């Protein structure tokens, strides 16, 4: 009996080997070729595609928000530009009137002293208001001509290097970092030495 139990028939061994000799790689090969695996691969591709679209949409949304915030900030910052241009014309006229008043000897007596002081105070207050609202004067005389900030009205022969501003006809102003009004200027032109 003992021998019968120990002895295996060849068919029994074949059955046992079939069961035990099957490797996991063969199983995975069967799984890789299965329709379920194809479906999983398709679904994984779709998930990856949707994740990519989501990330792109989020990035685009964030960019649009930044652009919107910048536009809103600029709108608030520069909304007063047309009003500021109108006020500059008034300031120019006030300055012209004050210069006429200041240069005329008839107004240099004590009777007009208070008027002069009042006009000077108005001028200082306007300058302070401009500074508080981001309006800055463009310094021009003695500087090199820059078409971004200056508008040349004429050229004047001078001993100075060509392209230097020698006279300011109308003041120019900036509103924060933008040009509000260019300075109207006269620029130097090198004298021709015609002594030969």
C-alpha atoms as a PDB file:
ATOM      1  CA  UNK A   1       0.000   0.000   0.000  1.00  0.00           C
ATOM      2  CA  UNK A   2       2.754   2.237   0.809  1.00  0.00           C
ATOM      3  CA  UNK A   3       4.210   1.730  -2.647  1.00  0.00           C
ATOM      4  CA  UNK A   4       0.938   2.399  -4.341  1.00  0.00           C
ATOM      5  CA  UNK A   5       0.622   5.717  -2.624  1.00  0.00           C
ATOM      6  CA  UNK A   6       4.177   6.710  -3.413  1.00  0.00           C
ATOM      7  CA  UNK A   7       3.962   5.715  -7.001  1.00  0.00           C
ATOM      8  CA  UNK A   8       2.469   8.261  -9.275  1.00  0.00           C
ATOM      9  CA  UNK A   9       0.996   7.516 -12.556  1.00  0.00           C
ATOM     10  CA  UNK A  10       2.327   9.520 -15.512  1.00  0.00           C
ATOM     11  CA  UNK A  11      -1.106  11.062 -16.067  1.00  0.00           C
ATOM     12  CA  UNK A  12      -1.196  12.293 -12.492  1.00  0.00           C
ATOM     13  CA  UNK A  13       2.212  13.937 -12.907  1.00  0.00           C
ATOM     14  CA  UNK A  14       1.128  15.605 -16.106  1.00  0.00           C
ATOM     15  CA  UNK A  15      -1.920  17.041 -14.412  1.00  0.00           C
ATOM     16  CA  UNK A  16       0.142  18.236 -11.466  1.00  0.00           C
ATOM     17  CA  UNK A  17       2.773  19.784 -13.715  1.00  0.00           C
ATOM     18  CA  UNK A  18       0.249  21.625 -15.763  1.00  0.00           C
ATOM     19  CA  UNK A  19      -1.077  23.280 -12.705  1.00  0.00           C
ATOM     20  CA  UNK A  20       2.281  24.113 -11.206  1.00  0.00           C
ATOM     21  CA  UNK A  21       4.278  24.932 -14.339  1.00  0.00           C
ATOM     22  CA  UNK A  22       1.990  27.771 -15.431  1.00  0.00           C
ATOM     23  CA  UNK A  23       3.898  30.972 -14.719  1.00  0.00           C
ATOM     24  CA  UNK A  24       2.453  34.375 -13.870  1.00  0.00           C
ATOM     25  CA  UNK A  25       3.944  35.828 -17.032  1.00  0.00           C
ATOM     26  CA  UNK A  26       1.784  33.564 -19.131  1.00  0.00           C
ATOM     27  CA  UNK A  27      -1.230  34.721 -17.165  1.00  0.00           C
ATOM     28  CA  UNK A  28      -0.269  38.346 -17.675  1.00  0.00           C
ATOM     29  CA  UNK A  29       0.236  37.707 -21.366  1.00  0.00           C
ATOM     30  CA  UNK A  30      -3.305  36.414 -21.523  1.00  0.00           C
ATOM     31  CA  UNK A  31      -4.465  39.469 -19.558  1.00  0.00           C
ATOM     32  CA  UNK A  32      -2.540  41.887 -21.802  1.00  0.00           C
ATOM     33  CA  UNK A  33      -4.290  40.486 -24.804  1.00  0.00           C
ATOM     34  CA  UNK A  34      -7.692  40.560 -23.181  1.00  0.00           C
ATOM     35  CA  UNK A  35     -10.422  43.024 -24.135  1.00  0.00           C
ATOM     36  CA  UNK A  36     -10.531  44.241 -20.514  1.00  0.00           C
ATOM     37  CA  UNK A  37      -6.926  45.396 -20.745  1.00  0.00           C
ATOM     38  CA  UNK A  38      -7.648  47.237 -23.989  1.00  0.00           C
ATOM     39  CA  UNK A  39     -10.534  49.003 -22.301  1.00  0.00           C
ATOM     40  CA  UNK A  40      -8.318  49.934 -19.336  1.00  0.00           C
ATOM     41  CA  UNK A  41      -5.683  51.371 -21.669  1.00  0.00           C
ATOM     42  CA  UNK A  42      -8.339  53.396 -23.513  1.00  0.00           C
ATOM     43  CA  UNK A  43      -9.761  54.694 -20.235  1.00  0.00           C
ATOM     44  CA  UNK A  44      -6.295  55.571 -18.902  1.00  0.00           C
ATOM     45  CA  UNK A  45      -5.639  57.530 -22.112  1.00  0.00           C
ATOM     46  CA  UNK A  46      -8.940  59.381 -21.699  1.00  0.00           C
ATOM     47  CA  UNK A  47      -8.149  60.190 -18.052  1.00  0.00           C
ATOM     48  CA  UNK A  48      -4.720  61.520 -19.034  1.00  0.00           C
ATOM     49  CA  UNK A  49      -6.265  63.597 -21.832  1.00  0.00           C
ATOM     50  CA  UNK A  50      -8.927  65.029 -19.489  1.00  0.00           C
ATOM     51  CA  UNK A  51      -6.319  65.819 -16.823  1.00  0.00           C
ATOM     52  CA  UNK A  52      -4.264  67.670 -19.432  1.00  0.00           C
ATOM     53  CA  UNK A  53      -7.330  69.632 -20.554  1.00  0.00           C
ATOM     54  CA  UNK A  54      -8.178  70.463 -16.951  1.00  0.00           C
ATOM     55  CA  UNK A  55      -4.670  71.721 -16.214  1.00  0.00           C
ATOM     56  CA  UNK A  56      -4.670  73.829 -19.371  1.00  0.00           C
ATOM     57  CA  UNK A  57      -8.082  75.287 -18.506  1.00  0.00           C
ATOM     58  CA  UNK A  58      -6.943  76.126 -14.988  1.00  0.00           C
ATOM     59  CA  UNK A  59      -3.795  77.812 -16.324  1.00  0.00           C
ATOM     60  CA  UNK A  60      -5.807  79.755 -18.905  1.00  0.00           C
ATOM     61  CA  UNK A  61      -8.289  80.823 -16.232  1.00  0.00           C
ATOM     62  CA  UNK A  62      -5.459  82.019 -14.002  1.00  0.00           C
ATOM     63  CA  UNK A  63      -3.900  83.976 -16.890  1.00  0.00           C
ATOM     64  CA  UNK A  64      -7.241  85.575 -17.722  1.00  0.00           C
ATOM     65  CA  UNK A  65      -7.676  86.560 -14.076  1.00  0.00           C
ATOM     66  CA  UNK A  66      -4.218  88.185 -14.052  1.00  0.00           C
ATOM     67  CA  UNK A  67      -4.996  90.059 -17.272  1.00  0.00           C
ATOM     68  CA  UNK A  68      -8.343  91.191 -15.879  1.00  0.00           C
ATOM     69  CA  UNK A  69      -6.735  92.394 -12.634  1.00  0.00           C
ATOM     70  CA  UNK A  70      -4.066  94.316 -14.577  1.00  0.00           C
ATOM     71  CA  UNK A  71      -6.695  95.919 -16.840  1.00  0.00           C
ATOM     72  CA  UNK A  72      -8.797  96.883 -13.838  1.00  0.00           C
ATOM     73  CA  UNK A  73      -5.760  98.341 -12.081  1.00  0.00           C
ATOM     74  CA  UNK A  74      -4.823 100.323 -15.213  1.00  0.00           C
ATOM     75  CA  UNK A  75      -8.386 101.537 -15.618  1.00  0.00           C
ATOM     76  CA  UNK A  76      -8.415 102.887 -12.084  1.00  0.00           C
ATOM     77  CA  UNK A  77      -4.886 104.262 -12.364  1.00  0.00           C
ATOM     78  CA  UNK A  78      -5.266 105.997 -15.728  1.00  0.00           C
ATOM     79  CA  UNK A  79      -8.981 106.819 -15.781  1.00  0.00           C
ATOM     80  CA  UNK A  80      -8.295 110.442 -14.950  1.00  0.00           C
ATOM     81  CA  UNK A  81      -6.001 111.020 -17.943  1.00  0.00           C
ATOM     82  CA  UNK A  82      -8.531 112.936 -20.055  1.00  0.00           C
ATOM     83  CA  UNK A  83      -9.481 115.113 -17.084  1.00  0.00           C
ATOM     84  CA  UNK A  84      -5.783 115.693 -16.336  1.00  0.00           C
ATOM     85  CA  UNK A  85      -5.176 116.859 -19.934  1.00  0.00           C
ATOM     86  CA  UNK A  86      -8.010 119.380 -19.568  1.00  0.00           C
ATOM     87  CA  UNK A  87      -6.547 120.656 -16.287  1.00  0.00           C
ATOM     88  CA  UNK A  88      -3.104 120.999 -17.899  1.00  0.00           C
ATOM     89  CA  UNK A  89      -4.541 123.510 -20.353  1.00  0.00           C
ATOM     90  CA  UNK A  90      -5.903 125.543 -17.447  1.00  0.00           C
ATOM     91  CA  UNK A  91      -2.539 125.337 -15.667  1.00  0.00           C
ATOM     92  CA  UNK A  92      -0.756 126.519 -18.836  1.00  0.00           C
ATOM     93  CA  UNK A  93      -3.082 129.522 -19.122  1.00  0.00           C
ATOM     94  CA  UNK A  94      -2.708 130.330 -15.426  1.00  0.00           C
ATOM     95  CA  UNK A  95       1.084 130.152 -15.758  1.00  0.00           C
ATOM     96  CA  UNK A  96       1.064 132.457 -18.795  1.00  0.00           C
ATOM     97  CA  UNK A  97      -1.118 134.962 -16.949  1.00  0.00           C
ATOM     98  CA  UNK A  98       1.080 134.784 -13.875  1.00  0.00           C
ATOM     99  CA  UNK A  99       4.250 135.313 -15.953  1.00  0.00           C
ATOM    100  CA  UNK A 100       2.706 138.398 -17.592  1.00  0.00           C
ATOM    101  CA  UNK A 101       1.655 139.657 -14.202  1.00  0.00           C
ATOM    102  CA  UNK A 102       5.055 138.934 -12.644  1.00  0.00           C
ATOM    103  CA  UNK A 103       7.081 140.534 -15.465  1.00  0.00           C
ATOM    104  CA  UNK A 104       5.008 143.718 -15.712  1.00  0.00           C
ATOM    105  CA  UNK A 105       6.545 146.577 -13.646  1.00  0.00           C
ATOM    106  CA  UNK A 106       3.090 148.078 -13.011  1.00  0.00           C
ATOM    107  CA  UNK A 107       2.264 145.126 -10.738  1.00  0.00           C
ATOM    108  CA  UNK A 108       5.505 145.214  -8.712  1.00  0.00           C
ATOM    109  CA  UNK A 109       4.166 147.483  -5.988  1.00  0.00           C
ATOM    110  CA  UNK A 110       2.710 146.681  -2.567  1.00  0.00           C
ATOM    111  CA  UNK A 111      -0.845 147.001  -3.849  1.00  0.00           C
ATOM    112  CA  UNK A 112      -0.509 143.765  -5.850  1.00  0.00           C
ATOM    113  CA  UNK A 113       1.720 141.874  -3.415  1.00  0.00           C
ATOM    114  CA  UNK A 114      -1.163 139.832  -1.974  1.00  0.00           C
ATOM    115  CA  UNK A 115      -2.380 138.901  -5.452  1.00  0.00           C
ATOM    116  CA  UNK A 116       1.106 137.646  -6.362  1.00  0.00           C
ATOM    117  CA  UNK A 117       1.287 135.575  -3.179  1.00  0.00           C
ATOM    118  CA  UNK A 118      -2.183 134.138  -3.871  1.00  0.00           C
ATOM    119  CA  UNK A 119      -1.249 133.126  -7.422  1.00  0.00           C
ATOM    120  CA  UNK A 120       1.985 131.511  -6.181  1.00  0.00           C
ATOM    121  CA  UNK A 121      -0.010 129.530  -3.596  1.00  0.00           C
ATOM    122  CA  UNK A 122      -2.421 128.345  -6.304  1.00  0.00           C
ATOM    123  CA  UNK A 123       0.505 127.277  -8.456  1.00  0.00           C
ATOM    124  CA  UNK A 124       2.117 125.344  -5.572  1.00  0.00           C
ATOM    125  CA  UNK A 125      -1.180 123.673  -4.662  1.00  0.00           C
ATOM    126  CA  UNK A 126      -1.703 122.572  -8.273  1.00  0.00           C
ATOM    127  CA  UNK A 127       1.804 121.112  -8.348  1.00  0.00           C
ATOM    128  CA  UNK A 128       1.166 119.227  -5.083  1.00  0.00           C
ATOM    129  CA  UNK A 129      -2.196 117.935  -6.396  1.00  0.00           C
ATOM    130  CA  UNK A 130      -0.495 116.693  -9.546  1.00  0.00           C
ATOM    131  CA  UNK A 131       2.153 114.842  -7.548  1.00  0.00           C
ATOM    132  CA  UNK A 132      -0.464 113.230  -5.287  1.00  0.00           C
ATOM    133  CA  UNK A 133      -2.298 111.965  -8.384  1.00  0.00           C
ATOM    134  CA  UNK A 134       0.768 110.638 -10.214  1.00  0.00           C
ATOM    135  CA  UNK A 135       1.208 113.548 -12.630  1.00  0.00           C
ATOM    136  CA  UNK A 136       4.870 114.485 -13.012  1.00  0.00           C
ATOM    137  CA  UNK A 137       6.543 117.250 -14.968  1.00  0.00           C
ATOM    138  CA  UNK A 138       8.969 116.152 -17.689  1.00  0.00           C
ATOM    139  CA  UNK A 139      12.255 118.011 -17.240  1.00  0.00           C
ATOM    140  CA  UNK A 140      13.383 119.000 -20.713  1.00  0.00           C
ATOM    141  CA  UNK A 141      15.741 121.979 -21.027  1.00  0.00           C
ATOM    142  CA  UNK A 142      19.360 120.883 -21.306  1.00  0.00           C
ATOM    143  CA  UNK A 143      18.427 117.229 -21.893  1.00  0.00           C
ATOM    144  CA  UNK A 144      18.868 115.165 -25.050  1.00  0.00           C
ATOM    145  CA  UNK A 145      15.797 115.158 -27.310  1.00  0.00           C
ATOM    146  CA  UNK A 146      13.722 111.990 -26.869  1.00  0.00           C
ATOM    147  CA  UNK A 147      10.766 111.537 -29.243  1.00  0.00           C
ATOM    148  CA  UNK A 148       9.032 109.434 -26.583  1.00  0.00           C
ATOM    149  CA  UNK A 149       8.713 112.489 -24.332  1.00  0.00           C
ATOM    150  CA  UNK A 150       9.313 115.536 -26.521  1.00  0.00           C
ATOM    151  CA  UNK A 151       7.819 117.078 -29.623  1.00  0.00           C
ATOM    152  CA  UNK A 152      10.284 119.235 -31.565  1.00  0.00           C
ATOM    153  CA  UNK A 153       8.747 122.387 -32.996  1.00  0.00           C
ATOM    154  CA  UNK A 154      11.908 123.925 -34.395  1.00  0.00           C
ATOM    155  CA  UNK A 155      15.678 123.782 -34.493  1.00  0.00           C
ATOM    156  CA  UNK A 156      17.877 126.576 -33.213  1.00  0.00           C
ATOM    157  CA  UNK A 157      21.511 127.033 -34.209  1.00  0.00           C
ATOM    158  CA  UNK A 158      23.660 126.655 -31.153  1.00  0.00           C
ATOM    159  CA  UNK A 159      27.186 125.931 -29.953  1.00  0.00           C
ATOM    160  CA  UNK A 160      25.749 122.936 -28.119  1.00  0.00           C
ATOM    161  CA  UNK A 161      25.727 119.421 -29.470  1.00  0.00           C
ATOM    162  CA  UNK A 162      22.903 118.726 -31.937  1.00  0.00           C
ATOM    163  CA  UNK A 163      19.694 117.351 -30.465  1.00  0.00           C
ATOM    164  CA  UNK A 164      19.888 119.120 -27.082  1.00  0.00           C
ATOM    165  CA  UNK A 165      16.723 120.888 -25.909  1.00  0.00           C
ATOM    166  CA  UNK A 166      17.414 124.615 -25.642  1.00  0.00           C
ATOM    167  CA  UNK A 167      13.898 125.934 -25.045  1.00  0.00           C
ATOM    168  CA  UNK A 168      10.621 124.557 -23.724  1.00  0.00           C
ATOM    169  CA  UNK A 169       7.564 126.069 -25.385  1.00  0.00           C
ATOM    170  CA  UNK A 170       4.996 123.960 -23.554  1.00  0.00           C
ATOM    171  CA  UNK A 171       5.644 121.703 -20.555  1.00  0.00           C
ATOM    172  CA  UNK A 172       5.217 117.964 -20.856  1.00  0.00           C
ATOM    173  CA  UNK A 173       3.743 115.660 -18.225  1.00  0.00           C
ATOM    174  CA  UNK A 174       3.667 111.970 -17.332  1.00  0.00           C
ATOM    175  CA  UNK A 175       0.778 110.152 -15.634  1.00  0.00           C
ATOM    176  CA  UNK A 176       2.589 107.499 -13.598  1.00  0.00           C
ATOM    177  CA  UNK A 177       4.600 105.696 -16.293  1.00  0.00           C
ATOM    178  CA  UNK A 178       2.564 106.867 -19.303  1.00  0.00           C
ATOM    179  CA  UNK A 179       2.979 110.001 -21.351  1.00  0.00           C
ATOM    180  CA  UNK A 180       0.166 112.417 -20.626  1.00  0.00           C
ATOM    181  CA  UNK A 181       1.394 115.196 -22.904  1.00  0.00           C
ATOM    182  CA  UNK A 182       4.737 115.563 -24.698  1.00  0.00           C
ATOM    183  CA  UNK A 183       6.843 118.651 -24.025  1.00  0.00           C
ATOM    184  CA  UNK A 184       6.940 120.982 -27.015  1.00  0.00           C
ATOM    185  CA  UNK A 185      10.531 122.056 -27.415  1.00  0.00           C
ATOM    186  CA  UNK A 186      13.185 123.738 -29.537  1.00  0.00           C
ATOM    187  CA  UNK A 187      16.285 121.657 -30.147  1.00  0.00           C
ATOM    188  CA  UNK A 188      19.844 122.668 -30.908  1.00  0.00           C
ATOM    189  CA  UNK A 189      21.419 122.396 -34.308  1.00  0.00           C
ATOM    190  CA  UNK A 190      25.194 122.646 -34.632  1.00  0.00           C
ATOM    191  CA  UNK A 191      26.300 125.916 -36.251  1.00  0.00           C
ATOM    192  CA  UNK A 192      27.817 125.502 -39.681  1.00  0.00           C
ATOM    193  CA  UNK A 193      31.388 126.766 -39.818  1.00  0.00           C
ATOM    194  CA  UNK A 194      31.391 128.430 -43.229  1.00  0.00           C
ATOM    195  CA  UNK A 195      34.759 130.173 -42.675  1.00  0.00           C
ATOM    196  CA  UNK A 196      37.044 128.546 -45.232  1.00  0.00           C
END
